[in-house]
């Protein structure tokens, strides 16, 4: 185990948080003493006893919380990116090594020289390779790779890590059983960008009806602020749940048979947990980089996309029965 103390501060979205959890676990595999900071990883920390995980640093103690580390790798939060207050991007780029899927040149700083000057030779040698890794995770042109594969490539080529795995070892809470309810299909019909990413609610509800007719147990899971809206929707006769805690959501998904989701964080969470995922995607590209990349997955794209006055028209061109067939084929592959 290396003596250098390294912190990794995750971006706050669910999908990104899982990517940084994978990064932290691979840093651990390669002998680094790593602490992961993030609100989502902290809610899931029971699942990863091999990792040291702390909540996202509070703004009033932001610098003092991170001062104890020889190197801090950070994907700045939205608040920091937009801040003009005491903690702003211009300041933290000189103190912390900034990484993100795509990093503007204005984020970059010569941390190699800074660390070499301020650290002992032994500590610096342990983190010298990491000191060169500031910048974009998506650092070159990729073709069909998922964000998981892109991040593994970044860790190999830019961070210099030799022992790599996409899979983070999971320790589920007591009595939580993997895919215990194989006929239970979780449908995740909302996302952070509903006007752009969400398939129509009417089609999700028709899909629920088709699944119920086929003796599946469809359950709708939505964000807390959308729960009442979905419960009140016409023709929603199905169990509709929400979870205030990501850990409890993870337990429910982990015990389900599969997940059908928009391009959203819940799809990434299911995939991270090893659950089969069908992703409904708005563009005609089944190999889009930000698709779930851990478990058995299938991306369903519109047959055609038309130009609209305000936005592309794609929702009518993904059929309900087509999504159901994709689910059944995926489940057959998993069970075979």
C-alpha atoms as a PDB file:
ATOM      1  CA  UNK A   1       0.000   0.000   0.000  1.00  0.00           C
ATOM      2  CA  UNK A   2       1.328   3.421  -0.971  1.00  0.00           C
ATOM      3  CA  UNK A   3       1.808   6.075   1.709  1.00  0.00           C
ATOM      4  CA  UNK A   4       0.510   8.960  -0.393  1.00  0.00           C
ATOM      5  CA  UNK A   5      -3.009   9.998   0.610  1.00  0.00           C
ATOM      6  CA  UNK A   6      -5.224  10.544  -2.422  1.00  0.00           C
ATOM      7  CA  UNK A   7      -8.775  11.944  -2.482  1.00  0.00           C
ATOM      8  CA  UNK A   8     -11.229  11.584  -5.364  1.00  0.00           C
ATOM      9  CA  UNK A   9     -14.133  14.049  -5.330  1.00  0.00           C
ATOM     10  CA  UNK A  10     -17.008  12.828  -7.498  1.00  0.00           C
ATOM     11  CA  UNK A  11     -19.377  14.825  -9.675  1.00  0.00           C
ATOM     12  CA  UNK A  12     -22.864  14.783  -8.147  1.00  0.00           C
ATOM     13  CA  UNK A  13     -25.008  13.045 -10.802  1.00  0.00           C
ATOM     14  CA  UNK A  14     -25.848   9.360 -10.330  1.00  0.00           C
ATOM     15  CA  UNK A  15     -24.186   8.055 -13.495  1.00  0.00           C
ATOM     16  CA  UNK A  16     -20.997  10.068 -12.959  1.00  0.00           C
ATOM     17  CA  UNK A  17     -20.868   9.041  -9.299  1.00  0.00           C
ATOM     18  CA  UNK A  18     -20.775   5.374 -10.278  1.00  0.00           C
ATOM     19  CA  UNK A  19     -17.985   6.048 -12.782  1.00  0.00           C
ATOM     20  CA  UNK A  20     -15.927   7.713 -10.031  1.00  0.00           C
ATOM     21  CA  UNK A  21     -16.694   4.873  -7.640  1.00  0.00           C
ATOM     22  CA  UNK A  22     -15.233   2.506 -10.234  1.00  0.00           C
ATOM     23  CA  UNK A  23     -12.218   4.805 -10.557  1.00  0.00           C
ATOM     24  CA  UNK A  24     -11.696   4.891  -6.784  1.00  0.00           C
ATOM     25  CA  UNK A  25     -11.866   1.104  -6.565  1.00  0.00           C
ATOM     26  CA  UNK A  26      -9.269   0.737  -9.303  1.00  0.00           C
ATOM     27  CA  UNK A  27      -6.983   3.212  -7.580  1.00  0.00           C
ATOM     28  CA  UNK A  28      -7.361   1.026  -4.490  1.00  0.00           C
ATOM     29  CA  UNK A  29      -6.541  -2.108  -6.520  1.00  0.00           C
ATOM     30  CA  UNK A  30      -3.313  -0.454  -7.594  1.00  0.00           C
ATOM     31  CA  UNK A  31      -2.191   0.228  -4.037  1.00  0.00           C
ATOM     32  CA  UNK A  32      -3.295   3.822  -3.507  1.00  0.00           C
ATOM     33  CA  UNK A  33      -4.657   4.975  -0.167  1.00  0.00           C
ATOM     34  CA  UNK A  34      -7.818   6.479  -1.601  1.00  0.00           C
ATOM     35  CA  UNK A  35     -10.776   8.326  -0.079  1.00  0.00           C
ATOM     36  CA  UNK A  36     -13.863   8.871  -2.228  1.00  0.00           C
ATOM     37  CA  UNK A  37     -16.014  11.957  -1.574  1.00  0.00           C
ATOM     38  CA  UNK A  38     -19.549  12.211  -2.943  1.00  0.00           C
ATOM     39  CA  UNK A  39     -23.176  12.271  -1.866  1.00  0.00           C
ATOM     40  CA  UNK A  40     -24.214   9.302  -4.028  1.00  0.00           C
ATOM     41  CA  UNK A  41     -21.255   7.059  -3.110  1.00  0.00           C
ATOM     42  CA  UNK A  42     -21.828   7.943   0.550  1.00  0.00           C
ATOM     43  CA  UNK A  43     -25.429   6.707   0.338  1.00  0.00           C
ATOM     44  CA  UNK A  44     -24.091   3.448  -1.137  1.00  0.00           C
ATOM     45  CA  UNK A  45     -21.070   3.068   1.167  1.00  0.00           C
ATOM     46  CA  UNK A  46     -22.476  -0.056   2.844  1.00  0.00           C
ATOM     47  CA  UNK A  47     -22.092  -1.800  -0.517  1.00  0.00           C
ATOM     48  CA  UNK A  48     -18.341  -1.022  -0.698  1.00  0.00           C
ATOM     49  CA  UNK A  49     -16.657  -1.840   2.623  1.00  0.00           C
ATOM     50  CA  UNK A  50     -13.312  -2.020   0.785  1.00  0.00           C
ATOM     51  CA  UNK A  51     -13.499   1.725   0.098  1.00  0.00           C
ATOM     52  CA  UNK A  52     -13.179   4.740   2.367  1.00  0.00           C
ATOM     53  CA  UNK A  53     -16.143   6.952   1.426  1.00  0.00           C
ATOM     54  CA  UNK A  54     -17.109  10.326   2.864  1.00  0.00           C
ATOM     55  CA  UNK A  55     -19.927  12.783   2.031  1.00  0.00           C
ATOM     56  CA  UNK A  56     -19.292  15.632  -0.358  1.00  0.00           C
ATOM     57  CA  UNK A  57     -17.277  18.329   1.452  1.00  0.00           C
ATOM     58  CA  UNK A  58     -19.395  21.121   2.902  1.00  0.00           C
ATOM     59  CA  UNK A  59     -18.654  24.503   1.372  1.00  0.00           C
ATOM     60  CA  UNK A  60     -17.798  26.146   4.690  1.00  0.00           C
ATOM     61  CA  UNK A  61     -15.158  23.443   5.324  1.00  0.00           C
ATOM     62  CA  UNK A  62     -14.298  22.667   1.716  1.00  0.00           C
ATOM     63  CA  UNK A  63     -10.587  23.390   1.710  1.00  0.00           C
ATOM     64  CA  UNK A  64      -9.908  22.221   5.271  1.00  0.00           C
ATOM     65  CA  UNK A  65     -11.602  18.874   4.549  1.00  0.00           C
ATOM     66  CA  UNK A  66      -9.251  18.224   1.624  1.00  0.00           C
ATOM     67  CA  UNK A  67      -6.051  19.783   2.992  1.00  0.00           C
ATOM     68  CA  UNK A  68      -4.963  16.502   4.585  1.00  0.00           C
ATOM     69  CA  UNK A  69      -4.442  14.807   1.207  1.00  0.00           C
ATOM     70  CA  UNK A  70      -1.270  14.839  -0.859  1.00  0.00           C
ATOM     71  CA  UNK A  71      -3.279  14.800  -4.076  1.00  0.00           C
ATOM     72  CA  UNK A  72      -6.933  15.619  -4.763  1.00  0.00           C
ATOM     73  CA  UNK A  73      -8.563  14.484  -8.009  1.00  0.00           C
ATOM     74  CA  UNK A  74     -11.826  16.332  -8.555  1.00  0.00           C
ATOM     75  CA  UNK A  75     -14.709  16.639 -10.954  1.00  0.00           C
ATOM     76  CA  UNK A  76     -16.070  20.048  -9.886  1.00  0.00           C
ATOM     77  CA  UNK A  77     -19.718  20.196  -8.885  1.00  0.00           C
ATOM     78  CA  UNK A  78     -22.239  22.364 -10.728  1.00  0.00           C
ATOM     79  CA  UNK A  79     -22.151  24.817  -7.826  1.00  0.00           C
ATOM     80  CA  UNK A  80     -18.394  25.210  -8.125  1.00  0.00           C
ATOM     81  CA  UNK A  81     -18.518  25.519 -11.912  1.00  0.00           C
ATOM     82  CA  UNK A  82     -21.012  28.380 -11.624  1.00  0.00           C
ATOM     83  CA  UNK A  83     -19.690  29.970  -8.431  1.00  0.00           C
ATOM     84  CA  UNK A  84     -18.363  33.489  -8.078  1.00  0.00           C
ATOM     85  CA  UNK A  85     -18.027  33.151  -4.308  1.00  0.00           C
ATOM     86  CA  UNK A  86     -15.234  32.004  -2.017  1.00  0.00           C
ATOM     87  CA  UNK A  87     -14.874  28.639  -3.767  1.00  0.00           C
ATOM     88  CA  UNK A  88     -14.683  29.093  -7.505  1.00  0.00           C
ATOM     89  CA  UNK A  89     -13.166  27.203 -10.381  1.00  0.00           C
ATOM     90  CA  UNK A  90     -10.295  29.593 -10.971  1.00  0.00           C
ATOM     91  CA  UNK A  91      -9.042  28.980  -7.428  1.00  0.00           C
ATOM     92  CA  UNK A  92      -9.514  25.238  -7.142  1.00  0.00           C
ATOM     93  CA  UNK A  93      -7.767  24.462 -10.437  1.00  0.00           C
ATOM     94  CA  UNK A  94      -4.523  25.618  -8.803  1.00  0.00           C
ATOM     95  CA  UNK A  95      -5.070  23.419  -5.755  1.00  0.00           C
ATOM     96  CA  UNK A  96      -6.706  20.279  -7.137  1.00  0.00           C
ATOM     97  CA  UNK A  97      -6.203  18.135 -10.219  1.00  0.00           C
ATOM     98  CA  UNK A  98      -9.404  18.512 -12.256  1.00  0.00           C
ATOM     99  CA  UNK A  99     -10.771  15.656 -14.337  1.00  0.00           C
ATOM    100  CA  UNK A 100     -14.085  15.293 -16.130  1.00  0.00           C
ATOM    101  CA  UNK A 101     -15.494  13.632 -19.225  1.00  0.00           C
ATOM    102  CA  UNK A 102     -14.585  16.742 -21.227  1.00  0.00           C
ATOM    103  CA  UNK A 103     -12.410  19.432 -19.662  1.00  0.00           C
ATOM    104  CA  UNK A 104     -11.942  22.977 -21.041  1.00  0.00           C
ATOM    105  CA  UNK A 105      -8.326  24.103 -21.356  1.00  0.00           C
ATOM    106  CA  UNK A 106      -9.023  26.820 -18.798  1.00  0.00           C
ATOM    107  CA  UNK A 107      -9.333  24.096 -16.134  1.00  0.00           C
ATOM    108  CA  UNK A 108      -5.773  22.845 -16.621  1.00  0.00           C
ATOM    109  CA  UNK A 109      -2.738  23.606 -14.470  1.00  0.00           C
ATOM    110  CA  UNK A 110       0.784  22.179 -14.125  1.00  0.00           C
ATOM    111  CA  UNK A 111       0.282  20.039 -11.033  1.00  0.00           C
ATOM    112  CA  UNK A 112       3.379  17.981 -11.750  1.00  0.00           C
ATOM    113  CA  UNK A 113       5.657  20.928 -10.943  1.00  0.00           C
ATOM    114  CA  UNK A 114       3.539  22.037  -7.978  1.00  0.00           C
ATOM    115  CA  UNK A 115       3.560  18.601  -6.359  1.00  0.00           C
ATOM    116  CA  UNK A 116       7.241  17.966  -7.039  1.00  0.00           C
ATOM    117  CA  UNK A 117       8.083  21.202  -5.258  1.00  0.00           C
ATOM    118  CA  UNK A 118       5.782  20.690  -2.257  1.00  0.00           C
ATOM    119  CA  UNK A 119       5.995  16.961  -1.498  1.00  0.00           C
ATOM    120  CA  UNK A 120       8.761  14.710  -0.244  1.00  0.00           C
ATOM    121  CA  UNK A 121      10.527  12.729  -2.930  1.00  0.00           C
ATOM    122  CA  UNK A 122       9.054   9.399  -1.760  1.00  0.00           C
ATOM    123  CA  UNK A 123       5.470  10.689  -1.766  1.00  0.00           C
ATOM    124  CA  UNK A 124       5.914  12.478  -5.070  1.00  0.00           C
ATOM    125  CA  UNK A 125       7.250   9.353  -6.754  1.00  0.00           C
ATOM    126  CA  UNK A 126       4.138   7.440  -5.692  1.00  0.00           C
ATOM    127  CA  UNK A 127       1.767   9.917  -7.321  1.00  0.00           C
ATOM    128  CA  UNK A 128       3.939  11.255 -10.153  1.00  0.00           C
ATOM    129  CA  UNK A 129       2.010   9.385 -12.853  1.00  0.00           C
ATOM    130  CA  UNK A 130      -1.312  10.598 -11.449  1.00  0.00           C
ATOM    131  CA  UNK A 131      -0.018  14.182 -11.498  1.00  0.00           C
ATOM    132  CA  UNK A 132      -0.096  14.101 -15.308  1.00  0.00           C
ATOM    133  CA  UNK A 133      -3.720  12.961 -15.559  1.00  0.00           C
ATOM    134  CA  UNK A 134      -5.556  16.294 -15.302  1.00  0.00           C
ATOM    135  CA  UNK A 135      -7.964  16.845 -18.163  1.00  0.00           C
ATOM    136  CA  UNK A 136     -10.580  14.966 -20.149  1.00  0.00           C
ATOM    137  CA  UNK A 137     -11.419  11.345 -19.452  1.00  0.00           C
ATOM    138  CA  UNK A 138     -12.709  11.351 -23.022  1.00  0.00           C
ATOM    139  CA  UNK A 139      -9.188  12.390 -24.059  1.00  0.00           C
ATOM    140  CA  UNK A 140      -9.185  10.985 -27.616  1.00  0.00           C
ATOM    141  CA  UNK A 141     -11.654   9.923 -30.267  1.00  0.00           C
ATOM    142  CA  UNK A 142     -13.542   6.785 -29.321  1.00  0.00           C
ATOM    143  CA  UNK A 143     -15.849   4.822 -31.591  1.00  0.00           C
ATOM    144  CA  UNK A 144     -18.318   2.368 -30.014  1.00  0.00           C
ATOM    145  CA  UNK A 145     -16.896   2.267 -26.493  1.00  0.00           C
ATOM    146  CA  UNK A 146     -19.174   2.891 -23.521  1.00  0.00           C
ATOM    147  CA  UNK A 147     -18.277   5.478 -20.894  1.00  0.00           C
ATOM    148  CA  UNK A 148     -17.155   2.584 -18.694  1.00  0.00           C
ATOM    149  CA  UNK A 149     -14.677   1.398 -21.338  1.00  0.00           C
ATOM    150  CA  UNK A 150     -13.531   4.977 -21.997  1.00  0.00           C
ATOM    151  CA  UNK A 151     -12.834   5.494 -18.290  1.00  0.00           C
ATOM    152  CA  UNK A 152     -10.872   2.240 -18.073  1.00  0.00           C
ATOM    153  CA  UNK A 153      -8.785   3.389 -21.038  1.00  0.00           C
ATOM    154  CA  UNK A 154      -8.157   6.734 -19.324  1.00  0.00           C
ATOM    155  CA  UNK A 155      -7.048   5.029 -16.118  1.00  0.00           C
ATOM    156  CA  UNK A 156      -4.667   2.804 -18.049  1.00  0.00           C
ATOM    157  CA  UNK A 157      -3.154   5.386 -20.389  1.00  0.00           C
ATOM    158  CA  UNK A 158      -3.300   8.613 -18.360  1.00  0.00           C
ATOM    159  CA  UNK A 159      -3.215   7.419 -14.750  1.00  0.00           C
ATOM    160  CA  UNK A 160      -0.809   4.565 -15.410  1.00  0.00           C
ATOM    161  CA  UNK A 161      -2.881   1.969 -13.562  1.00  0.00           C
ATOM    162  CA  UNK A 162      -1.991  -1.617 -14.422  1.00  0.00           C
ATOM    163  CA  UNK A 163      -4.638  -3.617 -12.559  1.00  0.00           C
ATOM    164  CA  UNK A 164      -8.047  -2.655 -13.921  1.00  0.00           C
ATOM    165  CA  UNK A 165     -11.589  -3.966 -13.716  1.00  0.00           C
ATOM    166  CA  UNK A 166     -14.947  -2.513 -14.684  1.00  0.00           C
ATOM    167  CA  UNK A 167     -16.621  -4.439 -11.889  1.00  0.00           C
ATOM    168  CA  UNK A 168     -16.572  -3.063  -8.367  1.00  0.00           C
ATOM    169  CA  UNK A 169     -16.928  -5.800  -5.756  1.00  0.00           C
ATOM    170  CA  UNK A 170     -20.361  -5.441  -4.155  1.00  0.00           C
ATOM    171  CA  UNK A 171     -21.343  -6.375  -0.619  1.00  0.00           C
ATOM    172  CA  UNK A 172     -25.148  -6.060  -0.571  1.00  0.00           C
ATOM    173  CA  UNK A 173     -26.871  -5.350   2.732  1.00  0.00           C
ATOM    174  CA  UNK A 174     -27.921  -8.332   4.804  1.00  0.00           C
ATOM    175  CA  UNK A 175     -30.849 -10.346   3.395  1.00  0.00           C
ATOM    176  CA  UNK A 176     -30.761  -8.495   0.047  1.00  0.00           C
ATOM    177  CA  UNK A 177     -30.698 -11.181  -2.664  1.00  0.00           C
ATOM    178  CA  UNK A 178     -29.582 -10.687  -6.269  1.00  0.00           C
ATOM    179  CA  UNK A 179     -32.542 -10.801  -8.718  1.00  0.00           C
ATOM    180  CA  UNK A 180     -34.759 -12.460  -6.112  1.00  0.00           C
ATOM    181  CA  UNK A 181     -37.849 -11.232  -7.989  1.00  0.00           C
ATOM    182  CA  UNK A 182     -36.983 -12.181 -11.559  1.00  0.00           C
ATOM    183  CA  UNK A 183     -40.434 -11.347 -12.930  1.00  0.00           C
ATOM    184  CA  UNK A 184     -40.349  -7.871 -11.389  1.00  0.00           C
ATOM    185  CA  UNK A 185     -39.460  -5.320 -14.064  1.00  0.00           C
ATOM    186  CA  UNK A 186     -38.595  -1.829 -12.865  1.00  0.00           C
ATOM    187  CA  UNK A 187     -39.609   0.917 -15.280  1.00  0.00           C
ATOM    188  CA  UNK A 188     -37.784   4.227 -14.859  1.00  0.00           C
ATOM    189  CA  UNK A 189     -39.704   6.777 -16.972  1.00  0.00           C
ATOM    190  CA  UNK A 190     -38.091  10.040 -15.840  1.00  0.00           C
ATOM    191  CA  UNK A 191     -34.661  11.608 -16.159  1.00  0.00           C
ATOM    192  CA  UNK A 192     -32.816  14.843 -15.416  1.00  0.00           C
ATOM    193  CA  UNK A 193     -33.693  16.159 -18.908  1.00  0.00           C
ATOM    194  CA  UNK A 194     -37.326  15.137 -19.491  1.00  0.00           C
ATOM    195  CA  UNK A 195     -38.005  17.417 -22.457  1.00  0.00           C
ATOM    196  CA  UNK A 196     -35.061  15.876 -24.284  1.00  0.00           C
ATOM    197  CA  UNK A 197     -34.627  12.317 -22.996  1.00  0.00           C
ATOM    198  CA  UNK A 198     -37.961  10.950 -21.765  1.00  0.00           C
ATOM    199  CA  UNK A 199     -40.054   8.532 -23.805  1.00  0.00           C
ATOM    200  CA  UNK A 200     -43.751   9.407 -23.506  1.00  0.00           C
ATOM    201  CA  UNK A 201     -45.542   8.484 -20.265  1.00  0.00           C
ATOM    202  CA  UNK A 202     -48.415   6.986 -22.295  1.00  0.00           C
ATOM    203  CA  UNK A 203     -46.063   4.513 -23.939  1.00  0.00           C
ATOM    204  CA  UNK A 204     -44.483   3.574 -20.621  1.00  0.00           C
ATOM    205  CA  UNK A 205     -47.945   2.825 -19.235  1.00  0.00           C
ATOM    206  CA  UNK A 206     -48.882   0.786 -22.330  1.00  0.00           C
ATOM    207  CA  UNK A 207     -45.653  -1.139 -21.853  1.00  0.00           C
ATOM    208  CA  UNK A 208     -46.592  -1.815 -18.226  1.00  0.00           C
ATOM    209  CA  UNK A 209     -49.924  -3.221 -19.399  1.00  0.00           C
ATOM    210  CA  UNK A 210     -48.243  -5.482 -21.955  1.00  0.00           C
ATOM    211  CA  UNK A 211     -45.776  -6.743 -19.362  1.00  0.00           C
ATOM    212  CA  UNK A 212     -48.564  -7.451 -16.875  1.00  0.00           C
ATOM    213  CA  UNK A 213     -50.457  -9.432 -19.538  1.00  0.00           C
ATOM    214  CA  UNK A 214     -47.293 -11.524 -20.026  1.00  0.00           C
ATOM    215  CA  UNK A 215     -47.191 -12.339 -16.278  1.00  0.00           C
ATOM    216  CA  UNK A 216     -44.416  -9.907 -15.447  1.00  0.00           C
ATOM    217  CA  UNK A 217     -44.690  -7.618 -12.427  1.00  0.00           C
ATOM    218  CA  UNK A 218     -44.096  -4.074 -13.734  1.00  0.00           C
ATOM    219  CA  UNK A 219     -43.234  -1.447 -11.119  1.00  0.00           C
ATOM    220  CA  UNK A 220     -42.781   2.235 -11.914  1.00  0.00           C
ATOM    221  CA  UNK A 221     -39.962   3.976 -10.025  1.00  0.00           C
ATOM    222  CA  UNK A 222     -39.651   7.758 -10.274  1.00  0.00           C
ATOM    223  CA  UNK A 223     -37.846  10.637  -8.586  1.00  0.00           C
ATOM    224  CA  UNK A 224     -39.509  11.967  -5.407  1.00  0.00           C
ATOM    225  CA  UNK A 225     -40.640  15.213  -7.059  1.00  0.00           C
ATOM    226  CA  UNK A 226     -42.410  13.236  -9.813  1.00  0.00           C
ATOM    227  CA  UNK A 227     -44.142  10.670  -7.605  1.00  0.00           C
ATOM    228  CA  UNK A 228     -47.507  12.394  -7.183  1.00  0.00           C
ATOM    229  CA  UNK A 229     -47.586  13.283 -10.876  1.00  0.00           C
ATOM    230  CA  UNK A 230     -47.110   9.670 -11.908  1.00  0.00           C
ATOM    231  CA  UNK A 231     -49.542   8.280  -9.366  1.00  0.00           C
ATOM    232  CA  UNK A 232     -52.219  10.606 -10.765  1.00  0.00           C
ATOM    233  CA  UNK A 233     -51.666   9.752 -14.431  1.00  0.00           C
ATOM    234  CA  UNK A 234     -54.619   8.300 -16.294  1.00  0.00           C
ATOM    235  CA  UNK A 235     -54.321   4.534 -16.827  1.00  0.00           C
ATOM    236  CA  UNK A 236     -51.625   4.187 -14.176  1.00  0.00           C
ATOM    237  CA  UNK A 237     -52.929   1.141 -12.311  1.00  0.00           C
ATOM    238  CA  UNK A 238     -49.449  -0.017 -11.423  1.00  0.00           C
ATOM    239  CA  UNK A 239     -47.355   0.141  -8.285  1.00  0.00           C
ATOM    240  CA  UNK A 240     -45.488   3.457  -8.401  1.00  0.00           C
ATOM    241  CA  UNK A 241     -42.619   3.949  -5.985  1.00  0.00           C
ATOM    242  CA  UNK A 242     -40.034   6.526  -5.097  1.00  0.00           C
ATOM    243  CA  UNK A 243     -36.950   6.336  -2.885  1.00  0.00           C
ATOM    244  CA  UNK A 244     -35.470   9.222  -0.929  1.00  0.00           C
ATOM    245  CA  UNK A 245     -32.218   7.317  -0.429  1.00  0.00           C
ATOM    246  CA  UNK A 246     -30.067   5.925  -3.265  1.00  0.00           C
ATOM    247  CA  UNK A 247     -29.105   2.991  -1.057  1.00  0.00           C
ATOM    248  CA  UNK A 248     -32.715   1.863  -0.721  1.00  0.00           C
ATOM    249  CA  UNK A 249     -33.254   2.338  -4.457  1.00  0.00           C
ATOM    250  CA  UNK A 250     -30.204   0.153  -5.084  1.00  0.00           C
ATOM    251  CA  UNK A 251     -31.584  -2.601  -2.849  1.00  0.00           C
ATOM    252  CA  UNK A 252     -34.891  -2.609  -4.738  1.00  0.00           C
ATOM    253  CA  UNK A 253     -33.245  -2.675  -8.159  1.00  0.00           C
ATOM    254  CA  UNK A 254     -30.746  -5.351  -7.059  1.00  0.00           C
ATOM    255  CA  UNK A 255     -33.607  -7.714  -6.198  1.00  0.00           C
ATOM    256  CA  UNK A 256     -35.483  -7.053  -9.479  1.00  0.00           C
ATOM    257  CA  UNK A 257     -35.276  -9.010 -12.706  1.00  0.00           C
ATOM    258  CA  UNK A 258     -34.504  -6.134 -15.078  1.00  0.00           C
ATOM    259  CA  UNK A 259     -34.832  -2.398 -15.604  1.00  0.00           C
ATOM    260  CA  UNK A 260     -36.297  -0.473 -18.539  1.00  0.00           C
ATOM    261  CA  UNK A 261     -35.201   3.170 -18.448  1.00  0.00           C
ATOM    262  CA  UNK A 262     -34.693   6.338 -20.377  1.00  0.00           C
ATOM    263  CA  UNK A 263     -31.098   7.425 -20.801  1.00  0.00           C
ATOM    264  CA  UNK A 264     -30.825   8.143 -17.077  1.00  0.00           C
ATOM    265  CA  UNK A 265     -28.995   7.516 -13.836  1.00  0.00           C
ATOM    266  CA  UNK A 266     -31.272   4.640 -12.818  1.00  0.00           C
ATOM    267  CA  UNK A 267     -30.179   2.689 -15.875  1.00  0.00           C
ATOM    268  CA  UNK A 268     -26.535   3.190 -14.897  1.00  0.00           C
ATOM    269  CA  UNK A 269     -27.273   2.130 -11.316  1.00  0.00           C
ATOM    270  CA  UNK A 270     -28.990  -1.061 -12.450  1.00  0.00           C
ATOM    271  CA  UNK A 271     -26.130  -1.901 -14.797  1.00  0.00           C
ATOM    272  CA  UNK A 272     -23.554  -1.183 -12.070  1.00  0.00           C
ATOM    273  CA  UNK A 273     -25.403  -3.646  -9.826  1.00  0.00           C
ATOM    274  CA  UNK A 274     -25.366  -6.340 -12.535  1.00  0.00           C
ATOM    275  CA  UNK A 275     -29.051  -6.067 -13.439  1.00  0.00           C
ATOM    276  CA  UNK A 276     -30.056  -6.355 -17.145  1.00  0.00           C
ATOM    277  CA  UNK A 277     -31.036  -2.988 -18.613  1.00  0.00           C
ATOM    278  CA  UNK A 278     -33.031  -1.901 -21.651  1.00  0.00           C
ATOM    279  CA  UNK A 279     -32.265   1.747 -22.425  1.00  0.00           C
ATOM    280  CA  UNK A 280     -34.621   3.892 -24.514  1.00  0.00           C
ATOM    281  CA  UNK A 281     -32.469   6.400 -26.381  1.00  0.00           C
ATOM    282  CA  UNK A 282     -33.571   9.370 -28.418  1.00  0.00           C
ATOM    283  CA  UNK A 283     -30.965   9.202 -31.214  1.00  0.00           C
ATOM    284  CA  UNK A 284     -30.225   6.569 -33.846  1.00  0.00           C
ATOM    285  CA  UNK A 285     -27.035   5.412 -32.217  1.00  0.00           C
ATOM    286  CA  UNK A 286     -27.145   2.197 -30.139  1.00  0.00           C
ATOM    287  CA  UNK A 287     -23.452   2.681 -29.318  1.00  0.00           C
ATOM    288  CA  UNK A 288     -23.738   6.132 -27.768  1.00  0.00           C
ATOM    289  CA  UNK A 289     -20.946   6.544 -25.234  1.00  0.00           C
ATOM    290  CA  UNK A 290     -23.108   7.265 -22.172  1.00  0.00           C
ATOM    291  CA  UNK A 291     -25.052   4.014 -22.359  1.00  0.00           C
ATOM    292  CA  UNK A 292     -24.981   1.689 -19.310  1.00  0.00           C
ATOM    293  CA  UNK A 293     -21.757  -0.273 -19.544  1.00  0.00           C
ATOM    294  CA  UNK A 294     -21.526  -2.839 -16.753  1.00  0.00           C
ATOM    295  CA  UNK A 295     -24.239  -5.509 -17.154  1.00  0.00           C
ATOM    296  CA  UNK A 296     -26.097  -7.126 -20.049  1.00  0.00           C
ATOM    297  CA  UNK A 297     -27.772  -4.223 -21.843  1.00  0.00           C
ATOM    298  CA  UNK A 298     -29.797  -3.383 -24.924  1.00  0.00           C
ATOM    299  CA  UNK A 299     -30.276   0.091 -26.397  1.00  0.00           C
ATOM    300  CA  UNK A 300     -33.506   0.789 -28.291  1.00  0.00           C
ATOM    301  CA  UNK A 301     -33.317   3.712 -30.733  1.00  0.00           C
ATOM    302  CA  UNK A 302     -36.006   5.326 -32.891  1.00  0.00           C
ATOM    303  CA  UNK A 303     -36.381   3.865 -36.375  1.00  0.00           C
ATOM    304  CA  UNK A 304     -36.309   7.408 -37.735  1.00  0.00           C
ATOM    305  CA  UNK A 305     -35.898  10.884 -36.254  1.00  0.00           C
ATOM    306  CA  UNK A 306     -37.651  13.881 -37.791  1.00  0.00           C
ATOM    307  CA  UNK A 307     -36.792  17.551 -37.489  1.00  0.00           C
ATOM    308  CA  UNK A 308     -39.284  19.431 -35.332  1.00  0.00           C
ATOM    309  CA  UNK A 309     -39.979  23.103 -34.763  1.00  0.00           C
ATOM    310  CA  UNK A 310     -38.516  23.077 -31.258  1.00  0.00           C
ATOM    311  CA  UNK A 311     -36.802  19.695 -30.967  1.00  0.00           C
ATOM    312  CA  UNK A 312     -36.317  16.433 -32.884  1.00  0.00           C
ATOM    313  CA  UNK A 313     -39.353  14.136 -33.129  1.00  0.00           C
ATOM    314  CA  UNK A 314     -38.381  10.634 -32.033  1.00  0.00           C
ATOM    315  CA  UNK A 315     -40.819   9.296 -29.431  1.00  0.00           C
ATOM    316  CA  UNK A 316     -43.452   7.943 -31.879  1.00  0.00           C
ATOM    317  CA  UNK A 317     -40.778   5.883 -33.613  1.00  0.00           C
ATOM    318  CA  UNK A 318     -40.006   3.592 -30.669  1.00  0.00           C
ATOM    319  CA  UNK A 319     -42.820   1.049 -30.403  1.00  0.00           C
ATOM    320  CA  UNK A 320     -44.052  -0.469 -27.166  1.00  0.00           C
ATOM    321  CA  UNK A 321     -44.001  -4.050 -28.444  1.00  0.00           C
ATOM    322  CA  UNK A 322     -40.478  -3.565 -29.744  1.00  0.00           C
ATOM    323  CA  UNK A 323     -39.277  -2.612 -26.261  1.00  0.00           C
ATOM    324  CA  UNK A 324     -41.028  -5.643 -24.767  1.00  0.00           C
ATOM    325  CA  UNK A 325     -39.376  -7.960 -27.321  1.00  0.00           C
ATOM    326  CA  UNK A 326     -35.976  -6.444 -26.521  1.00  0.00           C
ATOM    327  CA  UNK A 327     -36.531  -7.085 -22.820  1.00  0.00           C
ATOM    328  CA  UNK A 328     -37.543 -10.700 -23.369  1.00  0.00           C
ATOM    329  CA  UNK A 329     -34.566 -11.350 -25.644  1.00  0.00           C
ATOM    330  CA  UNK A 330     -32.214  -9.798 -23.108  1.00  0.00           C
ATOM    331  CA  UNK A 331     -33.689 -11.890 -20.271  1.00  0.00           C
ATOM    332  CA  UNK A 332     -33.395 -15.028 -22.381  1.00  0.00           C
ATOM    333  CA  UNK A 333     -29.708 -14.257 -22.977  1.00  0.00           C
ATOM    334  CA  UNK A 334     -29.111 -13.689 -19.272  1.00  0.00           C
ATOM    335  CA  UNK A 335     -30.900 -16.862 -18.192  1.00  0.00           C
ATOM    336  CA  UNK A 336     -29.344 -19.103 -20.883  1.00  0.00           C
END
